[in-house]
Amino acid sequence: MAPAPIVMNPTVLIICAICLIVAVILDNKFKFPLGITCILAAWVISFFAFGTAPNRTLSYFPTTVVLPLILAMSYFAVFNENGTSQLLANKILGVVKGNMKLYPWILFVLSTLLYICLDGSALRYVIGPIVFSIAKAGCGSTLMAISTAYLPFIAGGLNSFIGIDATTRGGIFSDMGLENNVAVSTAVWLNALLGIIIVHAVVYIITGSWKVKSIAFDAESVKTEITPVQKKSLGLLAFTVVAFMVPPILKMIAPGPFTTKFAAILCNYTIFAICIILVLVLKLGEWRKMVSKASMGIVVMVTGVTFLIKTAQAAGLQELCTNIASSVPQWLIAPVLLIICGVMSLFVAAPTVQPMLFPLAASLAQTPSQAITYLTAVAVGLAIAGASPVSNAGAGFLAVTPEDQSDEYSKKMFIMAGLGVLILAIVAAVGGMSIFSGIFAGSYH
């Protein structure tokens, strides 16, 4: 039997929004923990709105986000502790001669190319710590570091040829009846890529990263002697990279039952568990100390916001967003779609809503060019808001932030998500999200 349709409850949605805003203000101004406030609000709202007892809302617990978050924070704390992350950062700073003005753009380009070719869900655990260590070593802006780490992740991941997103998007476009789904997907990617570069440039300007002083750096500092512990750590990191990359690549090159099962078994949970055991075997760290580095404040925050978000979802948030997208003037459809998708990305995983949102976007278009623009708005809107620390993507990056700056990073990641959505909505409103739409319009059939 199909589940009963969700009846939209505007009152509950408004209350959820107010509670989230109040929780953020209380956290920033009075240091009341955001997660605890959101958990309490979710329990009270669920009880009075739906008659749901507090213990029933525990089913909202975001296991798939929290578990890898704890494992990753525990694991990478070892390399921060023994100086390996700093060592890698110094090597890269040596390449740019300590010029902190260049690092956001050099790493943006290099990381994007890597994310195009390799599995982004794994690679972020390698690139993220390096970017954050460089920012810390050069006293760079936290927001700039987040932009440099996260935006290449979506710029490369949205490509139309390699990766799970390309496969998923291409499949949805095919189901929509688009014969040239690769060409349409390419147009979406190029439009999105231009917008992402603009976001990175705006963050670069508003953070004053263009005038950050170069740090004192000389060639001898790159040649710092590597300790035996750091040598073992570098070897373990290399093993981690291989373990993350090989299974999805094998699955892509030689699809079949064996490679599919191999990729499923060697997922991020398994890899982190294996690597933590190797840390103990190699005597690189002590378990109690490692797990103490996993910030419970972050875990509670992710859990609390998820509880409140799921409560709003039960009140018909998704239905509300769909109604809004269908009722605005034609010239506002692209930016409104982008904002809606950005908001929804905080509540549900992108793959869950893509099959609904892509056809919806196409149905609102009057021309092929408009259709490609609206599809771009959906794709990039869902992706950019993933910078939020409560999303699956953002939580992965939050897990590898410097331990003493995790609270600052989590707050700036919220800002990055909101700022990214706002900038891209403005870009879409002035036609910047449709530059490649006309070029590929002939392929839309």
Foldseek 3Di string as FASTA:
>chain_A
DDDDDFDFDVVLLVLLVVQLVVLVCCCVPVVDQSLVSLLVSLQVSCCVVPVDHSVVLCVLQPCVQLLLLLLLLLLLVLCVVVVLLLLLLLLVCVVVVQQLLCVLPVLLVVLLVVLLVFPLVQCLSVSLSNLQSNCVVLVHDLLLSLLSSALSSLLNALQCPDDDNNVLQLVLLVVVVQPLSSLLSRLLSVLLNVLSVVLSVVSCVVRVSNPRDGDDDDPVVSVPDQDPLSVVVVVLVVVSSCLATVLVVCCVVPPDDVSVVSDVCSDSSNSSVVSVVVCVVVVSDDNVVSSVLSDVSLSSNLRSLQSSLVSSVSNPLVVVLLVVLQPDDPLQNLLSLLQSLLVVLLHDPLSVCLSPQLVSQQVSDPALLSSSLNNSSNSSSSRQSCLACNGSNVSSSLSSRPSVCSVVSNVSSNVRSVSSSVSSSVCSSVPSSRPSSVVSRVSGD
